[in-house]
Amino acid sequence: MANIKKGDLVQVITGRTQARGGSRGKQGRVIEVFAEKNRVIVEGVNFVTKHSRVGQTQRGTKTGGIETFEAPIHVSNVALVDPDSKKPTRVGFREEVVEKDGVKRTVRIRYAKKSGKDL
């Protein structure tokens, strides 16, 4: 089961500091998850610049130029943000019995663990 899912609020915990032009400490929502590559795209983090060749379409409009967009970042470099304390935290799983339409099922529920500093 994945620790980080699409739509989660995460914080970058490694890399260059913001004072040095990096993204460490920034928080953002997960836009996309690439589970097979263990990478996520976080909104507003890890911007890259792509230069594409100038061309023309059939209608004659110009294409190309300089484009900036978010690049994937490894999942180990981000941490889920605890909704209560707004600090990065570890993720745990617990099993709960859920009853739906008269059928009981055991499902794993994701939750933010509390660290010793937060208690």
PDB file of N, CA and C in Angstrom:
ATOM      1  N   MET A   1       0.844  -1.176   0.000  1.00  0.00           N
ATOM      2  CA  MET A   1       0.000   0.000   0.000  1.00  0.00           C
ATOM      3  C   MET A   1       0.889   1.240   0.000  1.00  0.00           C
ATOM      4  N   ALA A   2       0.506   2.225  -0.747  1.00  0.00           N
ATOM      5  CA  ALA A   2       1.338   3.413  -0.930  1.00  0.00           C
ATOM      6  C   ALA A   2       1.238   4.358   0.260  1.00  0.00           C
ATOM      7  N   ASN A   3       2.387   4.903   0.660  1.00  0.00           N
ATOM      8  CA  ASN A   3       2.392   5.886   1.737  1.00  0.00           C
ATOM      9  C   ASN A   3       1.880   7.232   1.258  1.00  0.00           C
ATOM     10  N   ILE A   4       2.203   7.595   0.032  1.00  0.00           N
ATOM     11  CA  ILE A   4       1.826   8.899  -0.514  1.00  0.00           C
ATOM     12  C   ILE A   4       0.928   8.682  -1.720  1.00  0.00           C
ATOM     13  N   LYS A   5      -0.188   9.409  -1.729  1.00  0.00           N
ATOM     14  CA  LYS A   5      -1.164   9.271  -2.803  1.00  0.00           C
ATOM     15  C   LYS A   5      -1.413  10.623  -3.460  1.00  0.00           C
ATOM     16  N   LYS A   6      -2.085  10.599  -4.592  1.00  0.00           N
ATOM     17  CA  LYS A   6      -2.428  11.819  -5.305  1.00  0.00           C
ATOM     18  C   LYS A   6      -3.339  12.682  -4.431  1.00  0.00           C
ATOM     19  N   GLY A   7      -3.025  13.977  -4.351  1.00  0.00           N
ATOM     20  CA  GLY A   7      -3.826  14.895  -3.558  1.00  0.00           C
ATOM     21  C   GLY A   7      -3.323  15.107  -2.149  1.00  0.00           C
ATOM     22  N   ASP A   8      -2.331  14.340  -1.706  1.00  0.00           N
ATOM     23  CA  ASP A   8      -1.782  14.499  -0.358  1.00  0.00           C
ATOM     24  C   ASP A   8      -0.960  15.780  -0.265  1.00  0.00           C
ATOM     25  N   LEU A   9      -0.921  16.362   0.921  1.00  0.00           N
ATOM     26  CA  LEU A   9      -0.046  17.494   1.202  1.00  0.00           C
ATOM     27  C   LEU A   9       1.269  16.932   1.719  1.00  0.00           C
ATOM     28  N   VAL A  10       2.374  17.237   1.020  1.00  0.00           N
ATOM     29  CA  VAL A  10       3.683  16.711   1.388  1.00  0.00           C
ATOM     30  C   VAL A  10       4.668  17.867   1.533  1.00  0.00           C
ATOM     31  N   GLN A  11       5.798  17.564   2.203  1.00  0.00           N
ATOM     32  CA  GLN A  11       6.874  18.539   2.369  1.00  0.00           C
ATOM     33  C   GLN A  11       8.164  17.910   1.898  1.00  0.00           C
ATOM     34  N   VAL A  12       8.986  18.696   1.186  1.00  0.00           N
ATOM     35  CA  VAL A  12      10.287  18.219   0.729  1.00  0.00           C
ATOM     36  C   VAL A  12      11.232  18.232   1.924  1.00  0.00           C
ATOM     37  N   ILE A  13      11.907  17.105   2.185  1.00  0.00           N
ATOM     38  CA  ILE A  13      12.743  16.997   3.384  1.00  0.00           C
ATOM     39  C   ILE A  13      14.227  16.917   3.054  1.00  0.00           C
ATOM     40  N   THR A  14      14.606  16.832   1.780  1.00  0.00           N
ATOM     41  CA  THR A  14      16.017  16.768   1.411  1.00  0.00           C
ATOM     42  C   THR A  14      16.287  17.712   0.252  1.00  0.00           C
ATOM     43  N   GLY A  15      17.561  17.904  -0.032  1.00  0.00           N
ATOM     44  CA  GLY A  15      17.951  18.750  -1.151  1.00  0.00           C
ATOM     45  C   GLY A  15      18.499  20.087  -0.686  1.00  0.00           C
ATOM     46  N   ARG A  16      18.658  20.990  -1.627  1.00  0.00           N
ATOM     47  CA  ARG A  16      19.189  22.315  -1.321  1.00  0.00           C
ATOM     48  C   ARG A  16      18.138  23.153  -0.605  1.00  0.00           C
ATOM     49  N   THR A  17      18.600  24.020   0.288  1.00  0.00           N
ATOM     50  CA  THR A  17      17.685  24.887   1.014  1.00  0.00           C
ATOM     51  C   THR A  17      17.109  25.938   0.076  1.00  0.00           C
ATOM     52  N   GLN A  18      16.041  26.579   0.501  1.00  0.00           N
ATOM     53  CA  GLN A  18      15.411  27.602  -0.317  1.00  0.00           C
ATOM     54  C   GLN A  18      16.334  28.802  -0.487  1.00  0.00           C
ATOM     55  N   ALA A  19      17.186  29.081   0.491  1.00  0.00           N
ATOM     56  CA  ALA A  19      18.132  30.193   0.393  1.00  0.00           C
ATOM     57  C   ALA A  19      19.148  29.955  -0.716  1.00  0.00           C
ATOM     58  N   ARG A  20      19.416  28.692  -1.021  1.00  0.00           N
ATOM     59  CA  ARG A  20      20.376  28.355  -2.078  1.00  0.00           C
ATOM     60  C   ARG A  20      19.695  27.983  -3.391  1.00  0.00           C
ATOM     61  N   GLY A  21      18.417  28.269  -3.493  1.00  0.00           N
ATOM     62  CA  GLY A  21      17.715  28.005  -4.739  1.00  0.00           C
ATOM     63  C   GLY A  21      17.062  26.651  -4.828  1.00  0.00           C
ATOM     64  N   GLY A  22      17.007  25.915  -3.736  1.00  0.00           N
ATOM     65  CA  GLY A  22      16.417  24.584  -3.730  1.00  0.00           C
ATOM     66  C   GLY A  22      14.967  24.595  -3.288  1.00  0.00           C
ATOM     67  N   SER A  23      14.468  23.424  -2.936  1.00  0.00           N
ATOM     68  CA  SER A  23      13.059  23.270  -2.565  1.00  0.00           C
ATOM     69  C   SER A  23      12.860  22.684  -1.175  1.00  0.00           C
ATOM     70  N   ARG A  24      13.936  22.480  -0.396  1.00  0.00           N
ATOM     71  CA  ARG A  24      13.774  21.867   0.919  1.00  0.00           C
ATOM     72  C   ARG A  24      12.903  22.745   1.817  1.00  0.00           C
ATOM     73  N   GLY A  25      11.917  22.124   2.454  1.00  0.00           N
ATOM     74  CA  GLY A  25      11.018  22.846   3.335  1.00  0.00           C
ATOM     75  C   GLY A  25       9.721  23.292   2.670  1.00  0.00           C
ATOM     76  N   LYS A  26       9.656  23.243   1.349  1.00  0.00           N
ATOM     77  CA  LYS A  26       8.437  23.646   0.653  1.00  0.00           C
ATOM     78  C   LYS A  26       7.365  22.580   0.806  1.00  0.00           C
ATOM     79  N   GLN A  27       6.116  23.023   0.894  1.00  0.00           N
ATOM     80  CA  GLN A  27       4.989  22.112   0.961  1.00  0.00           C
ATOM     81  C   GLN A  27       4.135  22.282  -0.279  1.00  0.00           C
ATOM     82  N   GLY A  28       3.517  21.202  -0.730  1.00  0.00           N
ATOM     83  CA  GLY A  28       2.652  21.258  -1.899  1.00  0.00           C
ATOM     84  C   GLY A  28       1.835  19.987  -2.028  1.00  0.00           C
ATOM     85  N   ARG A  29       0.836  20.044  -2.882  1.00  0.00           N
ATOM     86  CA  ARG A  29      -0.032  18.893  -3.139  1.00  0.00           C
ATOM     87  C   ARG A  29       0.602  17.997  -4.199  1.00  0.00           C
ATOM     88  N   VAL A  30       0.374  16.692  -4.054  1.00  0.00           N
ATOM     89  CA  VAL A  30       0.869  15.725  -5.028  1.00  0.00           C
ATOM     90  C   VAL A  30      -0.056  15.755  -6.242  1.00  0.00           C
ATOM     91  N   ILE A  31       0.512  16.038  -7.405  1.00  0.00           N
ATOM     92  CA  ILE A  31      -0.256  16.092  -8.644  1.00  0.00           C
ATOM     93  C   ILE A  31      -0.379  14.714  -9.268  1.00  0.00           C
ATOM     94  N   GLU A  32       0.734  13.980  -9.261  1.00  0.00           N
ATOM     95  CA  GLU A  32       0.759  12.672  -9.917  1.00  0.00           C
ATOM     96  C   GLU A  32       1.743  11.760  -9.203  1.00  0.00           C
ATOM     97  N   VAL A  33       1.455  10.455  -9.202  1.00  0.00           N
ATOM     98  CA  VAL A  33       2.316   9.457  -8.578  1.00  0.00           C
ATOM     99  C   VAL A  33       2.721   8.439  -9.634  1.00  0.00           C
ATOM    100  N   PHE A  34       4.029   8.187  -9.750  1.00  0.00           N
ATOM    101  CA  PHE A  34       4.554   7.147 -10.632  1.00  0.00           C
ATOM    102  C   PHE A  34       5.038   6.008  -9.739  1.00  0.00           C
ATOM    103  N   ALA A  35       4.146   5.066  -9.436  1.00  0.00           N
ATOM    104  CA  ALA A  35       4.449   4.008  -8.476  1.00  0.00           C
ATOM    105  C   ALA A  35       5.574   3.102  -8.958  1.00  0.00           C
ATOM    106  N   GLU A  36       5.633   2.823 -10.262  1.00  0.00           N
ATOM    107  CA  GLU A  36       6.648   1.908 -10.766  1.00  0.00           C
ATOM    108  C   GLU A  36       8.046   2.512 -10.698  1.00  0.00           C
ATOM    109  N   LYS A  37       8.152   3.858 -10.704  1.00  0.00           N
ATOM    110  CA  LYS A  37       9.453   4.528 -10.621  1.00  0.00           C
ATOM    111  C   LYS A  37       9.713   5.125  -9.243  1.00  0.00           C
ATOM    112  N   ASN A  38       8.764   4.987  -8.304  1.00  0.00           N
ATOM    113  CA  ASN A  38       8.864   5.557  -6.960  1.00  0.00           C
ATOM    114  C   ASN A  38       9.085   7.065  -6.996  1.00  0.00           C
ATOM    115  N   ARG A  39       8.340   7.755  -7.841  1.00  0.00           N
ATOM    116  CA  ARG A  39       8.475   9.202  -7.977  1.00  0.00           C
ATOM    117  C   ARG A  39       7.110   9.871  -7.918  1.00  0.00           C
ATOM    118  N   VAL A  40       7.120  11.127  -7.475  1.00  0.00           N
ATOM    119  CA  VAL A  40       5.889  11.916  -7.406  1.00  0.00           C
ATOM    120  C   VAL A  40       6.154  13.293  -8.001  1.00  0.00           C
ATOM    121  N   ILE A  41       5.105  13.926  -8.503  1.00  0.00           N
ATOM    122  CA  ILE A  41       5.175  15.314  -8.955  1.00  0.00           C
ATOM    123  C   ILE A  41       4.425  16.145  -7.936  1.00  0.00           C
ATOM    124  N   VAL A  42       5.117  17.136  -7.365  1.00  0.00           N
ATOM    125  CA  VAL A  42       4.551  17.983  -6.319  1.00  0.00           C
ATOM    126  C   VAL A  42       4.342  19.381  -6.898  1.00  0.00           C
ATOM    127  N   GLU A  43       3.182  19.945  -6.608  1.00  0.00           N
ATOM    128  CA  GLU A  43       2.820  21.256  -7.119  1.00  0.00           C
ATOM    129  C   GLU A  43       3.746  22.329  -6.539  1.00  0.00           C
ATOM    130  N   GLY A  44       4.411  23.090  -7.417  1.00  0.00           N
ATOM    131  CA  GLY A  44       5.271  24.192  -6.999  1.00  0.00           C
ATOM    132  C   GLY A  44       6.661  23.801  -6.556  1.00  0.00           C
ATOM    133  N   VAL A  45       7.067  22.558  -6.792  1.00  0.00           N
ATOM    134  CA  VAL A  45       8.371  22.066  -6.350  1.00  0.00           C
ATOM    135  C   VAL A  45       9.122  21.466  -7.531  1.00  0.00           C
ATOM    136  N   ASN A  46      10.454  21.664  -7.558  1.00  0.00           N
ATOM    137  CA  ASN A  46      11.336  21.059  -8.553  1.00  0.00           C
ATOM    138  C   ASN A  46      10.997  21.498  -9.976  1.00  0.00           C
ATOM    139  N   PHE A  47      10.993  22.811 -10.200  1.00  0.00           N
ATOM    140  CA  PHE A  47      10.733  23.340 -11.537  1.00  0.00           C
ATOM    141  C   PHE A  47      11.941  23.125 -12.434  1.00  0.00           C
ATOM    142  N   VAL A  48      11.701  22.718 -13.671  1.00  0.00           N
ATOM    143  CA  VAL A  48      12.737  22.581 -14.683  1.00  0.00           C
ATOM    144  C   VAL A  48      12.320  23.386 -15.908  1.00  0.00           C
ATOM    145  N   THR A  49      13.305  23.769 -16.710  1.00  0.00           N
ATOM    146  CA  THR A  49      13.058  24.553 -17.910  1.00  0.00           C
ATOM    147  C   THR A  49      13.321  23.681 -19.127  1.00  0.00           C
ATOM    148  N   LYS A  50      12.389  23.686 -20.053  1.00  0.00           N
ATOM    149  CA  LYS A  50      12.541  22.900 -21.273  1.00  0.00           C
ATOM    150  C   LYS A  50      12.487  23.852 -22.463  1.00  0.00           C
ATOM    151  N   HIS A  51      13.495  23.756 -23.323  1.00  0.00           N
ATOM    152  CA  HIS A  51      13.539  24.567 -24.534  1.00  0.00           C
ATOM    153  C   HIS A  51      13.076  23.694 -25.689  1.00  0.00           C
ATOM    154  N   SER A  52      12.071  24.165 -26.417  1.00  0.00           N
ATOM    155  CA  SER A  52      11.609  23.413 -27.577  1.00  0.00           C
ATOM    156  C   SER A  52      11.787  24.260 -28.828  1.00  0.00           C
ATOM    157  N   ARG A  53      12.056  23.584 -29.916  1.00  0.00           N
ATOM    158  CA  ARG A  53      12.362  24.256 -31.172  1.00  0.00           C
ATOM    159  C   ARG A  53      11.148  25.006 -31.711  1.00  0.00           C
ATOM    160  N   VAL A  54      11.397  26.171 -32.267  1.00  0.00           N
ATOM    161  CA  VAL A  54      10.327  26.986 -32.828  1.00  0.00           C
ATOM    162  C   VAL A  54       9.918  26.386 -34.164  1.00  0.00           C
ATOM    163  N   GLY A  55       8.602  26.247 -34.338  1.00  0.00           N
ATOM    164  CA  GLY A  55       8.077  25.724 -35.589  1.00  0.00           C
ATOM    165  C   GLY A  55       6.754  26.389 -35.899  1.00  0.00           C
ATOM    166  N   GLN A  56       6.079  25.874 -36.915  1.00  0.00           N
ATOM    167  CA  GLN A  56       4.769  26.397 -37.296  1.00  0.00           C
ATOM    168  C   GLN A  56       3.792  25.250 -37.448  1.00  0.00           C
ATOM    169  N   THR A  57       2.540  25.516 -37.069  1.00  0.00           N
ATOM    170  CA  THR A  57       1.488  24.536 -37.266  1.00  0.00           C
ATOM    171  C   THR A  57       0.875  24.746 -38.651  1.00  0.00           C
ATOM    172  N   GLN A  58      -0.116  23.938 -38.968  1.00  0.00           N
ATOM    173  CA  GLN A  58      -0.785  24.060 -40.264  1.00  0.00           C
ATOM    174  C   GLN A  58      -1.456  25.420 -40.433  1.00  0.00           C
ATOM    175  N   ARG A  59      -1.935  25.988 -39.330  1.00  0.00           N
ATOM    176  CA  ARG A  59      -2.619  27.284 -39.391  1.00  0.00           C
ATOM    177  C   ARG A  59      -1.646  28.446 -39.433  1.00  0.00           C
ATOM    178  N   GLY A  60      -0.385  28.194 -39.183  1.00  0.00           N
ATOM    179  CA  GLY A  60       0.601  29.256 -39.236  1.00  0.00           C
ATOM    180  C   GLY A  60       0.964  29.849 -37.893  1.00  0.00           C
ATOM    181  N   THR A  61       0.445  29.282 -36.807  1.00  0.00           N
ATOM    182  CA  THR A  61       0.790  29.800 -35.489  1.00  0.00           C
ATOM    183  C   THR A  61       2.152  29.266 -35.067  1.00  0.00           C
ATOM    184  N   LYS A  62       2.852  30.062 -34.289  1.00  0.00           N
ATOM    185  CA  LYS A  62       4.189  29.681 -33.833  1.00  0.00           C
ATOM    186  C   LYS A  62       4.089  28.709 -32.653  1.00  0.00           C
ATOM    187  N   THR A  63       4.969  27.737 -32.627  1.00  0.00           N
ATOM    188  CA  THR A  63       5.073  26.810 -31.507  1.00  0.00           C
ATOM    189  C   THR A  63       6.492  26.868 -30.974  1.00  0.00           C
ATOM    190  N   GLY A  64       6.687  26.319 -29.790  1.00  0.00           N
ATOM    191  CA  GLY A  64       8.026  26.250 -29.237  1.00  0.00           C
ATOM    192  C   GLY A  64       8.303  27.377 -28.278  1.00  0.00           C
ATOM    193  N   GLY A  65       9.540  27.441 -27.826  1.00  0.00           N
ATOM    194  CA  GLY A  65       9.947  28.448 -26.870  1.00  0.00           C
ATOM    195  C   GLY A  65      10.429  27.802 -25.589  1.00  0.00           C
ATOM    196  N   ILE A  66      10.410  28.597 -24.514  1.00  0.00           N
ATOM    197  CA  ILE A  66      10.867  28.126 -23.219  1.00  0.00           C
ATOM    198  C   ILE A  66       9.659  27.818 -22.354  1.00  0.00           C
ATOM    199  N   GLU A  67       9.652  26.612 -21.786  1.00  0.00           N
ATOM    200  CA  GLU A  67       8.527  26.149 -20.980  1.00  0.00           C
ATOM    201  C   GLU A  67       9.068  25.672 -19.628  1.00  0.00           C
ATOM    202  N   THR A  68       8.400  26.064 -18.530  1.00  0.00           N
ATOM    203  CA  THR A  68       8.790  25.571 -17.210  1.00  0.00           C
ATOM    204  C   THR A  68       7.659  24.724 -16.653  1.00  0.00           C
ATOM    205  N   PHE A  69       8.028  23.616 -15.996  1.00  0.00           N
ATOM    206  CA  PHE A  69       7.046  22.714 -15.415  1.00  0.00           C
ATOM    207  C   PHE A  69       7.697  21.934 -14.279  1.00  0.00           C
ATOM    208  N   GLU A  70       6.858  21.263 -13.466  1.00  0.00           N
ATOM    209  CA  GLU A  70       7.360  20.480 -12.344  1.00  0.00           C
ATOM    210  C   GLU A  70       7.887  19.141 -12.846  1.00  0.00           C
ATOM    211  N   ALA A  71       9.047  18.750 -12.350  1.00  0.00           N
ATOM    212  CA  ALA A  71       9.638  17.457 -12.689  1.00  0.00           C
ATOM    213  C   ALA A  71       9.400  16.494 -11.522  1.00  0.00           C
ATOM    214  N   PRO A  72       9.437  15.194 -11.785  1.00  0.00           N
ATOM    215  CA  PRO A  72       9.244  14.220 -10.704  1.00  0.00           C
ATOM    216  C   PRO A  72      10.372  14.280  -9.679  1.00  0.00           C
ATOM    217  N   ILE A  73      10.023  13.972  -8.432  1.00  0.00           N
ATOM    218  CA  ILE A  73      10.979  13.911  -7.330  1.00  0.00           C
ATOM    219  C   ILE A  73      10.799  12.548  -6.657  1.00  0.00           C
ATOM    220  N   HIS A  74      11.893  11.987  -6.150  1.00  0.00           N
ATOM    221  CA  HIS A  74      11.815  10.653  -5.557  1.00  0.00           C
ATOM    222  C   HIS A  74      10.957  10.684  -4.301  1.00  0.00           C
ATOM    223  N   VAL A  75      10.189   9.618  -4.102  1.00  0.00           N
ATOM    224  CA  VAL A  75       9.235   9.557  -2.997  1.00  0.00           C
ATOM    225  C   VAL A  75       9.935   9.580  -1.636  1.00  0.00           C
ATOM    226  N   SER A  76      11.198   9.168  -1.566  1.00  0.00           N
ATOM    227  CA  SER A  76      11.927   9.189  -0.295  1.00  0.00           C
ATOM    228  C   SER A  76      12.340  10.598   0.101  1.00  0.00           C
ATOM    229  N   ASN A  77      12.251  11.547  -0.809  1.00  0.00           N
ATOM    230  CA  ASN A  77      12.647  12.924  -0.522  1.00  0.00           C
ATOM    231  C   ASN A  77      11.485  13.789  -0.053  1.00  0.00           C
ATOM    232  N   VAL A  78      10.304  13.215   0.082  1.00  0.00           N
ATOM    233  CA  VAL A  78       9.149  13.955   0.574  1.00  0.00           C
ATOM    234  C   VAL A  78       8.540  13.198   1.751  1.00  0.00           C
ATOM    235  N   ALA A  79       7.848  13.947   2.616  1.00  0.00           N
ATOM    236  CA  ALA A  79       7.185  13.343   3.771  1.00  0.00           C
ATOM    237  C   ALA A  79       5.768  13.884   3.845  1.00  0.00           C
ATOM    238  N   LEU A  80       4.845  13.036   4.235  1.00  0.00           N
ATOM    239  CA  LEU A  80       3.457  13.440   4.396  1.00  0.00           C
ATOM    240  C   LEU A  80       3.348  14.454   5.530  1.00  0.00           C
ATOM    241  N   VAL A  81       2.502  15.481   5.350  1.00  0.00           N
ATOM    242  CA  VAL A  81       2.325  16.510   6.363  1.00  0.00           C
ATOM    243  C   VAL A  81       1.142  16.126   7.245  1.00  0.00           C
ATOM    244  N   ASP A  82       1.365  16.174   8.573  1.00  0.00           N
ATOM    245  CA  ASP A  82       0.310  15.880   9.534  1.00  0.00           C
ATOM    246  C   ASP A  82      -0.739  16.985   9.459  1.00  0.00           C
ATOM    247  N   PRO A  83      -2.019  16.650   9.272  1.00  0.00           N
ATOM    248  CA  PRO A  83      -3.041  17.688   9.132  1.00  0.00           C
ATOM    249  C   PRO A  83      -3.229  18.538  10.383  1.00  0.00           C
ATOM    250  N   ASP A  84      -2.883  18.006  11.570  1.00  0.00           N
ATOM    251  CA  ASP A  84      -3.072  18.758  12.809  1.00  0.00           C
ATOM    252  C   ASP A  84      -1.929  19.738  13.073  1.00  0.00           C
ATOM    253  N   SER A  85      -0.685  19.238  13.038  1.00  0.00           N
ATOM    254  CA  SER A  85       0.463  20.069  13.395  1.00  0.00           C
ATOM    255  C   SER A  85       1.111  20.765  12.202  1.00  0.00           C
ATOM    256  N   LYS A  86       0.731  20.389  10.982  1.00  0.00           N
ATOM    257  CA  LYS A  86       1.305  20.949   9.746  1.00  0.00           C
ATOM    258  C   LYS A  86       2.814  20.725   9.656  1.00  0.00           C
ATOM    259  N   LYS A  87       3.296  19.624  10.250  1.00  0.00           N
ATOM    260  CA  LYS A  87       4.701  19.259  10.190  1.00  0.00           C
ATOM    261  C   LYS A  87       4.841  17.923   9.483  1.00  0.00           C
ATOM    262  N   PRO A  88       6.011  17.664   8.858  1.00  0.00           N
ATOM    263  CA  PRO A  88       6.196  16.359   8.211  1.00  0.00           C
ATOM    264  C   PRO A  88       6.178  15.235   9.233  1.00  0.00           C
ATOM    265  N   THR A  89       5.596  14.112   8.843  1.00  0.00           N
ATOM    266  CA  THR A  89       5.445  12.989   9.771  1.00  0.00           C
ATOM    267  C   THR A  89       5.554  11.680   9.009  1.00  0.00           C
ATOM    268  N   ARG A  90       5.708  10.609   9.757  1.00  0.00           N
ATOM    269  CA  ARG A  90       5.726   9.273   9.157  1.00  0.00           C
ATOM    270  C   ARG A  90       4.297   8.774   8.979  1.00  0.00           C
ATOM    271  N   VAL A  91       4.158   7.758   8.156  1.00  0.00           N
ATOM    272  CA  VAL A  91       2.839   7.214   7.853  1.00  0.00           C
ATOM    273  C   VAL A  91       2.740   5.817   8.437  1.00  0.00           C
ATOM    274  N   GLY A  92       1.605   5.523   9.064  1.00  0.00           N
ATOM    275  CA  GLY A  92       1.361   4.197   9.597  1.00  0.00           C
ATOM    276  C   GLY A  92       0.069   3.646   9.044  1.00  0.00           C
ATOM    277  N   PHE A  93      -0.145   2.357   9.239  1.00  0.00           N
ATOM    278  CA  PHE A  93      -1.364   1.705   8.781  1.00  0.00           C
ATOM    279  C   PHE A  93      -1.969   0.938   9.938  1.00  0.00           C
ATOM    280  N   ARG A  94      -3.280   0.971  10.051  1.00  0.00           N
ATOM    281  CA  ARG A  94      -3.974   0.157  11.042  1.00  0.00           C
ATOM    282  C   ARG A  94      -5.163  -0.490  10.354  1.00  0.00           C
ATOM    283  N   GLU A  95      -5.536  -1.643  10.857  1.00  0.00           N
ATOM    284  CA  GLU A  95      -6.639  -2.372  10.255  1.00  0.00           C
ATOM    285  C   GLU A  95      -7.916  -2.098  11.031  1.00  0.00           C
ATOM    286  N   GLU A  96      -8.972  -1.808  10.306  1.00  0.00           N
ATOM    287  CA  GLU A  96     -10.269  -1.549  10.912  1.00  0.00           C
ATOM    288  C   GLU A  96     -11.320  -2.383  10.200  1.00  0.00           C
ATOM    289  N   VAL A  97     -12.349  -2.727  10.939  1.00  0.00           N
ATOM    290  CA  VAL A  97     -13.456  -3.485  10.372  1.00  0.00           C
ATOM    291  C   VAL A  97     -14.501  -2.487   9.895  1.00  0.00           C
ATOM    292  N   VAL A  98     -14.823  -2.551   8.604  1.00  0.00           N
ATOM    293  CA  VAL A  98     -15.792  -1.641   8.001  1.00  0.00           C
ATOM    294  C   VAL A  98     -16.981  -2.463   7.529  1.00  0.00           C
ATOM    295  N   GLU A  99     -18.176  -2.006   7.856  1.00  0.00           N
ATOM    296  CA  GLU A  99     -19.384  -2.709   7.436  1.00  0.00           C
ATOM    297  C   GLU A  99     -20.053  -1.909   6.332  1.00  0.00           C
ATOM    298  N   LYS A 100     -20.243  -2.560   5.188  1.00  0.00           N
ATOM    299  CA  LYS A 100     -20.885  -1.918   4.047  1.00  0.00           C
ATOM    300  C   LYS A 100     -21.897  -2.896   3.459  1.00  0.00           C
ATOM    301  N   ASP A 101     -23.139  -2.494   3.405  1.00  0.00           N
ATOM    302  CA  ASP A 101     -24.221  -3.334   2.875  1.00  0.00           C
ATOM    303  C   ASP A 101     -24.337  -4.650   3.640  1.00  0.00           C
ATOM    304  N   GLY A 102     -24.102  -4.606   4.942  1.00  0.00           N
ATOM    305  CA  GLY A 102     -24.235  -5.800   5.762  1.00  0.00           C
ATOM    306  C   GLY A 102     -23.051  -6.743   5.704  1.00  0.00           C
ATOM    307  N   VAL A 103     -21.993  -6.374   4.960  1.00  0.00           N
ATOM    308  CA  VAL A 103     -20.815  -7.223   4.835  1.00  0.00           C
ATOM    309  C   VAL A 103     -19.667  -6.564   5.583  1.00  0.00           C
ATOM    310  N   LYS A 104     -19.045  -7.327   6.494  1.00  0.00           N
ATOM    311  CA  LYS A 104     -17.914  -6.796   7.244  1.00  0.00           C
ATOM    312  C   LYS A 104     -16.621  -7.136   6.527  1.00  0.00           C
ATOM    313  N   ARG A 105     -15.766  -6.111   6.368  1.00  0.00           N
ATOM    314  CA  ARG A 105     -14.466  -6.295   5.730  1.00  0.00           C
ATOM    315  C   ARG A 105     -13.397  -5.640   6.577  1.00  0.00           C
ATOM    316  N   THR A 106     -12.209  -6.210   6.570  1.00  0.00           N
ATOM    317  CA  THR A 106     -11.070  -5.611   7.247  1.00  0.00           C
ATOM    318  C   THR A 106     -10.259  -4.844   6.211  1.00  0.00           C
ATOM    319  N   VAL A 107     -10.108  -3.536   6.436  1.00  0.00           N
ATOM    320  CA  VAL A 107      -9.366  -2.697   5.491  1.00  0.00           C
ATOM    321  C   VAL A 107      -8.244  -2.001   6.238  1.00  0.00           C
ATOM    322  N   ARG A 108      -7.189  -1.655   5.495  1.00  0.00           N
ATOM    323  CA  ARG A 108      -6.074  -0.920   6.081  1.00  0.00           C
ATOM    324  C   ARG A 108      -6.329   0.576   5.912  1.00  0.00           C
ATOM    325  N   ILE A 109      -6.207   1.308   7.006  1.00  0.00           N
ATOM    326  CA  ILE A 109      -6.430   2.744   7.023  1.00  0.00           C
ATOM    327  C   ILE A 109      -5.085   3.423   7.242  1.00  0.00           C
ATOM    328  N   ARG A 110      -4.798   4.453   6.468  1.00  0.00           N
ATOM    329  CA  ARG A 110      -3.556   5.207   6.578  1.00  0.00           C
ATOM    330  C   ARG A 110      -3.731   6.319   7.614  1.00  0.00           C
ATOM    331  N   TYR A 111      -2.719   6.551   8.452  1.00  0.00           N
ATOM    332  CA  TYR A 111      -2.800   7.636   9.430  1.00  0.00           C
ATOM    333  C   TYR A 111      -1.413   8.222   9.650  1.00  0.00           C
ATOM    334  N   ALA A 112      -1.385   9.478  10.108  1.00  0.00           N
ATOM    335  CA  ALA A 112      -0.121  10.163  10.386  1.00  0.00           C
ATOM    336  C   ALA A 112       0.306   9.831  11.808  1.00  0.00           C
ATOM    337  N   LYS A 113       1.530   9.328  11.949  1.00  0.00           N
ATOM    338  CA  LYS A 113       2.056   8.989  13.262  1.00  0.00           C
ATOM    339  C   LYS A 113       2.472  10.267  13.993  1.00  0.00           C
ATOM    340  N   LYS A 114       2.441  10.231  15.307  1.00  0.00           N
ATOM    341  CA  LYS A 114       2.896  11.349  16.121  1.00  0.00           C
ATOM    342  C   LYS A 114       4.343  11.111  16.510  1.00  0.00           C
ATOM    343  N   SER A 115       5.185  12.148  16.399  1.00  0.00           N
ATOM    344  CA  SER A 115       6.559  11.997  16.832  1.00  0.00           C
ATOM    345  C   SER A 115       6.662  12.387  18.294  1.00  0.00           C
ATOM    346  N   GLY A 116       7.800  12.123  18.914  1.00  0.00           N
ATOM    347  CA  GLY A 116       7.997  12.420  20.318  1.00  0.00           C
ATOM    348  C   GLY A 116       7.952  13.914  20.610  1.00  0.00           C
ATOM    349  N   LYS A 117       8.324  14.740  19.633  1.00  0.00           N
ATOM    350  CA  LYS A 117       8.334  16.192  19.811  1.00  0.00           C
ATOM    351  C   LYS A 117       6.929  16.772  19.822  1.00  0.00           C
ATOM    352  N   ASP A 118       5.998  16.112  19.139  1.00  0.00           N
ATOM    353  CA  ASP A 118       4.638  16.649  18.997  1.00  0.00           C
ATOM    354  C   ASP A 118       3.753  16.364  20.196  1.00  0.00           C
ATOM    355  N   LEU A 119       4.143  15.431  21.075  1.00  0.00           N
ATOM    356  CA  LEU A 119       3.283  15.038  22.187  1.00  0.00           C
ATOM    357  C   LEU A 119       3.199  16.078  23.273  1.00  0.00           C
TER     358      LEU A 119
END
